[in-house]
Amino acid sequence: QLQLVESGGGLVQPGGSLRLSCAASGFTLDYYAIGWFRQAPGKEREGVSCISSSGGSTNYADSVKGRFTISRDNAKNTVYLQMNSLRPEDTAVYYCAAAGGSWSRRCPGLDEYDYWGQGTQVTVSS
């Protein structure tokens, strides 16, 4: 069964950090770009960050630049999202998704991803 599984979410105080993981099973991530998305209650799903299949190209939403870092370890078949200086407005369900191809020039669009995870809740609150 081909699937992506996110983990690492939780409750954290403002200014704190979390590291999300996106692990693939049933297929290798070597040939897939990975994107992280989030969706807060009552809001549309938004792109947070993406990384090319090689790891050589990354992109970030303006709202998370300088605070979040995306990385990948293809040997572990896992992609990470390090989130620092978290704010209450970062509260959302975070999803990872995989798109076949290198995607070195841009992030795939929402409908260009092949696989999605089930999401992990991140809550930033004091």
Protein backbone atom coordinates (compact mmCIF):
# COMPACT_ATOMS: atom_id res chain seq x y z
CA GLN A 1 0.00 0.00 0.00
CA LEU A 2 1.39 3.36 -1.04
CA GLN A 3 1.06 5.97 1.67
CA LEU A 4 2.57 8.99 3.35
CA VAL A 5 2.43 9.31 7.12
CA GLU A 6 3.02 12.56 8.96
CA SER A 7 4.13 12.73 12.57
CA GLY A 8 5.57 15.20 15.05
CA GLY A 9 2.61 17.49 15.56
CA GLY A 10 1.41 18.60 18.95
CA LEU A 11 0.78 21.49 21.31
CA VAL A 12 3.55 24.06 21.67
CA GLN A 13 3.81 27.51 23.20
CA PRO A 14 4.39 30.58 21.03
CA GLY A 15 8.06 30.87 20.19
CA GLY A 16 8.55 27.13 20.47
CA SER A 17 9.65 24.57 17.89
CA LEU A 18 8.40 21.36 16.35
CA ARG A 19 9.79 19.03 13.71
CA LEU A 20 7.32 17.31 11.45
CA SER A 21 8.21 14.13 9.60
CA CYS A 22 6.70 12.72 6.43
CA ALA A 23 7.54 9.07 5.92
CA ALA A 24 6.69 7.10 2.80
CA SER A 25 5.81 3.44 2.68
CA GLY A 26 5.26 1.28 -0.35
CA PHE A 27 7.32 3.53 -2.60
CA THR A 28 10.58 5.46 -2.62
CA LEU A 29 10.63 9.24 -2.37
CA ASP A 30 13.80 9.54 -4.45
CA TYR A 31 11.89 10.59 -7.56
CA TYR A 32 9.27 12.75 -5.91
CA ALA A 33 9.13 16.37 -4.91
CA ILE A 34 7.51 16.82 -1.51
CA GLY A 35 5.28 19.61 -0.38
CA TRP A 36 3.99 20.62 3.03
CA PHE A 37 0.56 22.20 3.28
CA ARG A 38 -1.59 23.35 6.15
CA GLN A 39 -5.26 23.96 6.70
CA ALA A 40 -6.72 25.91 9.57
CA PRO A 41 -10.41 25.64 10.51
CA GLY A 42 -12.58 27.54 8.07
CA LYS A 43 -9.68 28.29 5.75
CA GLU A 44 -8.45 26.85 2.48
CA ARG A 45 -5.46 24.54 2.34
CA GLU A 46 -2.30 26.56 1.72
CA GLY A 47 1.18 25.63 0.60
CA VAL A 48 3.87 26.03 3.22
CA SER A 49 7.01 24.69 1.59
CA CYS A 50 8.28 22.28 -1.02
CA ILE A 51 11.52 20.52 -1.86
CA SER A 52 12.66 19.07 -5.17
CA SER A 53 13.38 15.38 -5.56
CA SER A 54 17.12 15.97 -5.29
CA GLY A 55 16.77 18.30 -2.34
CA GLY A 56 18.62 20.99 -4.24
CA SER A 57 15.68 23.35 -4.55
CA THR A 58 13.36 24.56 -1.81
CA ASN A 59 10.58 27.12 -1.62
CA TYR A 60 8.68 28.69 1.25
CA ALA A 61 5.53 30.70 1.73
CA ASP A 62 6.29 34.27 2.78
CA SER A 63 4.55 33.67 6.09
CA VAL A 64 7.10 31.01 7.15
CA LYS A 65 10.33 32.21 5.52
CA GLY A 66 13.16 32.38 8.01
CA ARG A 67 11.26 30.27 10.53
CA PHE A 68 10.62 26.94 8.78
CA THR A 69 13.15 24.68 7.08
CA ILE A 70 12.33 21.76 4.80
CA SER A 71 14.81 18.93 4.31
CA ARG A 72 14.87 15.37 3.12
CA ASP A 73 16.75 12.18 3.90
CA ASN A 74 16.17 9.86 0.97
CA ALA A 75 18.05 7.06 2.73
CA LYS A 76 15.33 7.15 5.40
CA ASN A 77 12.59 7.80 2.83
CA THR A 78 11.54 10.77 4.94
CA VAL A 79 11.07 14.50 4.56
CA TYR A 80 11.14 16.92 7.48
CA LEU A 81 9.73 20.33 8.28
CA GLN A 82 11.57 22.09 11.09
CA MET A 83 9.34 24.80 12.50
CA ASN A 84 10.87 27.43 14.78
CA SER A 85 9.51 30.61 16.35
CA LEU A 86 6.01 29.24 16.09
CA ARG A 87 3.08 31.64 16.25
CA PRO A 88 -0.59 31.09 17.08
CA GLU A 89 -1.42 31.69 13.42
CA ASP A 90 0.63 28.60 12.53
CA THR A 91 -2.05 26.47 14.17
CA ALA A 92 -3.44 24.08 11.57
CA VAL A 93 -3.47 20.51 10.35
CA TYR A 94 -0.26 19.97 8.40
CA TYR A 95 -0.17 17.64 5.41
CA CYS A 96 2.65 16.35 3.26
CA ALA A 97 2.23 15.37 -0.37
CA ALA A 98 4.39 13.77 -3.06
CA ALA A 99 4.56 14.75 -6.73
CA GLY A 100 6.43 12.60 -9.25
CA GLY A 101 9.28 14.37 -11.02
CA SER A 102 12.15 16.67 -10.08
CA TRP A 103 10.20 19.96 -9.74
CA SER A 104 13.41 21.93 -9.41
CA ARG A 105 11.99 25.17 -10.82
CA ARG A 106 8.75 25.56 -8.90
CA CYS A 107 6.53 23.86 -6.37
CA PRO A 108 3.87 21.58 -7.83
CA GLY A 109 0.35 22.96 -7.76
CA LEU A 110 -2.22 21.55 -5.39
CA ASP A 111 -3.67 19.26 -8.06
CA GLU A 112 -0.27 18.08 -9.27
CA TYR A 113 0.51 15.93 -6.24
CA ASP A 114 0.08 12.18 -6.52
CA TYR A 115 -0.06 11.13 -2.86
CA TRP A 116 -1.23 12.81 0.32
CA GLY A 117 -0.79 12.04 3.98
CA GLN A 118 -3.58 12.06 6.54
CA GLY A 119 -2.31 15.15 8.36
CA THR A 120 -0.95 16.00 11.80
CA GLN A 121 -2.34 18.67 14.12
CA VAL A 122 -0.11 21.55 15.18
CA THR A 123 -1.47 23.84 17.88
CA VAL A 124 0.43 26.92 19.02
CA SER A 125 -1.05 28.31 22.20
CA SER A 126 -0.06 29.50 25.64
